[in-house]
Amino acid sequence: MTLSTQFITMLAMVGMGLFFGISLETYQHFLKRPQRKRSIVFIHDLLFWILQALLMFYVLFLVNQGEIRIYLILAILLGFAMYKSLFQTFYLRLLEIIISFCVQAYRLLVKLVVNIIYKPIRGLVLLLLSIITYLLKGLMALAKGVFRVLRFVLEILLLPIKWLLSLLWLIVPKKGKLFVERFSSKLAGYYTKGKKYLKQQFQNRRKK
């Protein structure tokens, strides 16, 4: 390698050491080891170190075609030490500010969505349901009123026929009255039996 390539490689590895310190600090902050299971922590650690190794090798490949030298490892350690001694306190404060900003932005976004989209749509739906319910109640009341009027008119129209049948019943012989009563009782019995049969069939189907 030429001197310029070595110098660029050294700077890149120092930068990777700084980046490694930042990424490790961020990873530790979000992982929260005491609250995680050991198996999950192990998997996360393994993936983190694999990702860091691949990233460092990729940067090394870009600057010097992937040649590994001992002083490059020292450069990485130097960058990591620089982060720990110079930038750790500043980065932790910055990280807290960024996290706080993201949380506040998320809460604000949720409030905007709830107040601008969810609540108006919910109010509109409730209003439509109230209107539909009110209309249905009005139609039911109107139908009941019409039914009562028709029933009253029908009773008035059938009243002469009822009186005529009552007069005819008075002049019907006793044998005829007995026949009609027996026939009516038979019809009532058939009606009761048919009702019981249909009820039993309905219960049997529900059990199935």
Protein backbone atom coordinates (compact mmCIF):
# COMPACT_ATOMS: atom_id res chain seq x y z
CA MET A 1 0.00 0.00 0.00
CA THR A 2 1.11 3.54 -0.68
CA LEU A 3 1.49 6.07 2.14
CA SER A 4 -1.67 7.90 1.09
CA THR A 5 -3.65 4.65 1.12
CA GLN A 6 -2.26 3.78 4.55
CA PHE A 7 -3.12 7.24 5.86
CA ILE A 8 -6.68 7.02 4.51
CA THR A 9 -7.00 3.52 5.93
CA MET A 10 -5.85 4.72 9.35
CA LEU A 11 -8.36 7.58 9.32
CA ALA A 12 -11.14 5.21 8.18
CA MET A 13 -10.39 2.75 10.99
CA VAL A 14 -10.26 5.53 13.58
CA GLY A 15 -13.63 6.67 12.27
CA MET A 16 -14.92 3.11 12.47
CA GLY A 17 -13.72 2.96 16.08
CA LEU A 18 -15.71 6.12 16.82
CA PHE A 19 -18.71 4.68 15.01
CA PHE A 20 -18.35 1.40 16.90
CA GLY A 21 -18.42 3.29 20.21
CA ILE A 22 -21.54 5.21 19.16
CA SER A 23 -23.34 2.13 17.88
CA LEU A 24 -22.38 0.09 20.96
CA GLU A 25 -23.64 2.86 23.26
CA THR A 26 -26.91 3.09 21.31
CA TYR A 27 -27.31 -0.70 21.28
CA GLN A 28 -26.74 -0.95 25.04
CA HIS A 29 -29.18 1.89 25.67
CA PHE A 30 -32.04 0.25 23.77
CA LEU A 31 -31.30 -3.37 24.68
CA LYS A 32 -31.90 -3.00 28.45
CA ARG A 33 -30.16 -6.21 29.43
CA PRO A 34 -31.71 -6.69 32.93
CA GLN A 35 -35.20 -6.78 31.39
CA ARG A 36 -34.35 -9.32 28.66
CA LYS A 37 -33.94 -13.07 28.70
CA ARG A 38 -30.41 -14.40 28.35
CA SER A 39 -31.22 -16.24 25.14
CA ILE A 40 -32.58 -13.06 23.52
CA VAL A 41 -29.58 -11.04 24.73
CA PHE A 42 -27.21 -13.68 23.30
CA ILE A 43 -28.91 -13.61 19.89
CA HIS A 44 -28.92 -9.81 19.80
CA ASP A 45 -25.25 -9.64 20.81
CA LEU A 46 -24.28 -12.17 18.17
CA LEU A 47 -26.13 -10.28 15.43
CA PHE A 48 -24.66 -6.96 16.59
CA TRP A 49 -21.07 -8.19 16.49
CA ILE A 50 -21.56 -9.88 13.12
CA LEU A 51 -23.02 -6.68 11.69
CA GLN A 52 -20.15 -4.57 13.09
CA ALA A 53 -17.54 -6.97 11.69
CA LEU A 54 -19.16 -6.97 8.24
CA LEU A 55 -19.42 -3.19 8.24
CA MET A 56 -15.77 -2.71 9.24
CA PHE A 57 -14.59 -5.19 6.63
CA TYR A 58 -16.68 -3.45 3.98
CA VAL A 59 -15.13 -0.06 4.81
CA LEU A 60 -11.68 -1.67 4.85
CA PHE A 61 -12.38 -3.23 1.47
CA LEU A 62 -13.32 0.16 0.05
CA VAL A 63 -10.16 1.93 1.22
CA ASN A 64 -7.44 -0.73 0.76
CA GLN A 65 -9.05 -3.75 -0.95
CA GLY A 66 -9.53 -5.54 2.41
CA GLU A 67 -5.94 -5.85 3.58
CA ILE A 68 -5.81 -6.35 7.35
CA ARG A 69 -2.80 -5.08 9.32
CA ILE A 70 -2.13 -5.02 13.06
CA TYR A 71 -1.98 -1.23 13.21
CA LEU A 72 -5.51 -1.08 11.79
CA ILE A 73 -6.78 -2.87 14.90
CA LEU A 74 -4.89 -0.32 16.99
CA ALA A 75 -6.53 2.46 14.96
CA ILE A 76 -9.96 1.00 15.72
CA LEU A 77 -9.10 0.85 19.43
CA LEU A 78 -7.84 4.45 19.24
CA GLY A 79 -11.12 5.61 17.73
CA PHE A 80 -13.09 3.73 20.37
CA ALA A 81 -10.92 5.27 23.14
CA MET A 82 -11.42 8.73 21.64
CA TYR A 83 -15.19 8.20 21.78
CA LYS A 84 -15.07 7.03 25.40
CA SER A 85 -12.89 9.91 26.57
CA LEU A 86 -14.10 12.81 24.41
CA PHE A 87 -17.55 12.18 22.97
CA GLN A 88 -19.40 9.73 25.25
CA THR A 89 -20.97 12.34 27.57
CA PHE A 90 -21.96 14.58 24.65
CA TYR A 91 -23.41 11.68 22.65
CA LEU A 92 -25.45 10.35 25.59
CA ARG A 93 -27.03 13.78 26.07
CA LEU A 94 -27.66 14.04 22.35
CA LEU A 95 -29.18 10.55 22.32
CA GLU A 96 -31.55 11.46 25.15
CA ILE A 97 -32.57 14.62 23.29
CA ILE A 98 -33.20 12.68 20.09
CA ILE A 99 -35.23 9.99 21.92
CA SER A 100 -37.24 12.64 23.77
CA PHE A 101 -37.88 14.48 20.50
CA CYS A 102 -39.02 11.27 18.77
CA VAL A 103 -41.33 10.37 21.66
CA GLN A 104 -42.85 13.86 21.71
CA ALA A 105 -43.25 13.83 17.94
CA TYR A 106 -44.92 10.41 18.10
CA ARG A 107 -47.32 11.58 20.81
CA LEU A 108 -48.11 14.73 18.85
CA LEU A 109 -48.73 12.67 15.72
CA VAL A 110 -51.04 10.33 17.62
CA LYS A 111 -52.98 13.29 19.04
CA LEU A 112 -53.29 14.85 15.60
CA VAL A 113 -54.52 11.60 14.09
CA VAL A 114 -57.02 11.10 16.94
CA ASN A 115 -58.31 14.69 16.92
CA ILE A 116 -58.28 15.33 13.18
CA ILE A 117 -59.17 11.93 11.73
CA TYR A 118 -60.47 9.47 14.33
CA LYS A 119 -62.78 11.69 16.39
CA PRO A 120 -64.48 13.41 13.40
CA ILE A 121 -65.07 10.08 11.66
CA ARG A 122 -66.32 8.54 14.91
CA GLY A 123 -68.64 11.51 15.50
CA LEU A 124 -69.94 11.31 11.92
CA VAL A 125 -70.60 7.58 12.25
CA LEU A 126 -72.39 8.07 15.58
CA LEU A 127 -74.46 10.88 14.05
CA LEU A 128 -75.45 8.70 11.09
CA LEU A 129 -76.33 5.83 13.44
CA SER A 130 -78.43 8.19 15.57
CA ILE A 131 -80.26 9.51 12.47
CA ILE A 132 -80.88 5.98 11.19
CA THR A 133 -82.12 4.86 14.62
CA TYR A 134 -84.40 7.89 14.89
CA LEU A 135 -85.80 7.25 11.39
CA LEU A 136 -86.38 3.58 12.15
CA LYS A 137 -88.19 4.46 15.37
CA GLY A 138 -90.29 6.99 13.47
CA LEU A 139 -91.15 4.43 10.79
CA MET A 140 -92.05 1.87 13.45
CA ALA A 141 -94.30 4.39 15.22
CA LEU A 142 -95.88 5.35 11.87
CA ALA A 143 -96.43 1.68 10.99
CA LYS A 144 -98.04 1.04 14.38
CA GLY A 145 -100.29 4.08 13.91
CA VAL A 146 -101.33 2.98 10.41
CA PHE A 147 -101.98 -0.55 11.70
CA ARG A 148 -104.17 0.79 14.51
CA VAL A 149 -106.14 2.96 12.08
CA LEU A 150 -106.63 0.08 9.65
CA ARG A 151 -107.64 -2.18 12.50
CA PHE A 152 -110.18 0.37 13.74
CA VAL A 153 -111.60 0.86 10.21
CA LEU A 154 -111.76 -2.90 9.70
CA GLU A 155 -113.55 -3.38 13.00
CA ILE A 156 -116.12 -0.74 12.01
CA LEU A 157 -116.61 -2.36 8.59
CA LEU A 158 -116.99 -5.83 10.11
CA LEU A 159 -119.30 -4.64 12.89
CA PRO A 160 -122.53 -5.08 10.84
CA ILE A 161 -121.39 -8.54 9.80
CA LYS A 162 -120.70 -9.37 13.44
CA TRP A 163 -124.16 -8.20 14.43
CA LEU A 164 -125.72 -10.17 11.56
CA LEU A 165 -123.86 -13.34 12.58
CA SER A 166 -124.96 -12.82 16.18
CA LEU A 167 -128.60 -12.59 15.05
CA LEU A 168 -128.20 -15.66 12.85
CA TRP A 169 -126.62 -17.54 15.76
CA LEU A 170 -129.70 -16.87 17.85
CA ILE A 171 -131.95 -18.56 15.30
CA VAL A 172 -129.68 -21.52 14.64
CA PRO A 173 -131.08 -24.78 16.10
CA LYS A 174 -129.39 -26.38 19.08
CA LYS A 175 -128.08 -29.27 16.97
CA GLY A 176 -126.45 -26.81 14.62
CA LYS A 177 -124.90 -24.94 17.53
CA LEU A 178 -123.52 -28.18 18.98
CA PHE A 179 -122.09 -29.12 15.59
CA VAL A 180 -120.40 -25.76 15.24
CA GLU A 181 -119.03 -25.92 18.79
CA ARG A 182 -117.64 -29.44 18.25
CA PHE A 183 -116.12 -28.42 14.93
CA SER A 184 -114.56 -25.36 16.56
CA SER A 185 -113.14 -27.43 19.40
CA LYS A 186 -111.64 -29.90 16.90
CA LEU A 187 -110.05 -27.06 14.96
CA ALA A 188 -108.68 -25.65 18.20
CA GLY A 189 -107.23 -29.08 19.08
CA TYR A 190 -105.62 -29.42 15.66
CA TYR A 191 -104.20 -25.95 16.00
CA THR A 192 -102.74 -26.75 19.44
CA LYS A 193 -101.22 -30.04 18.23
CA GLY A 194 -99.76 -28.38 15.14
CA LYS A 195 -98.26 -25.61 17.27
CA LYS A 196 -96.66 -28.14 19.65
CA TYR A 197 -95.30 -30.17 16.72
CA LEU A 198 -93.71 -27.16 15.08
CA LYS A 199 -92.23 -26.09 18.41
CA GLN A 200 -90.67 -29.53 18.96
CA GLN A 201 -89.23 -29.58 15.44
CA PHE A 202 -87.71 -26.14 15.97
CA GLN A 203 -86.13 -27.20 19.29
CA ASN A 204 -84.71 -30.37 17.74
CA ARG A 205 -83.08 -28.41 14.93
CA ARG A 206 -81.54 -25.97 17.41
CA LYS A 207 -80.05 -28.90 19.39
CA LYS A 208 -78.50 -30.31 16.22
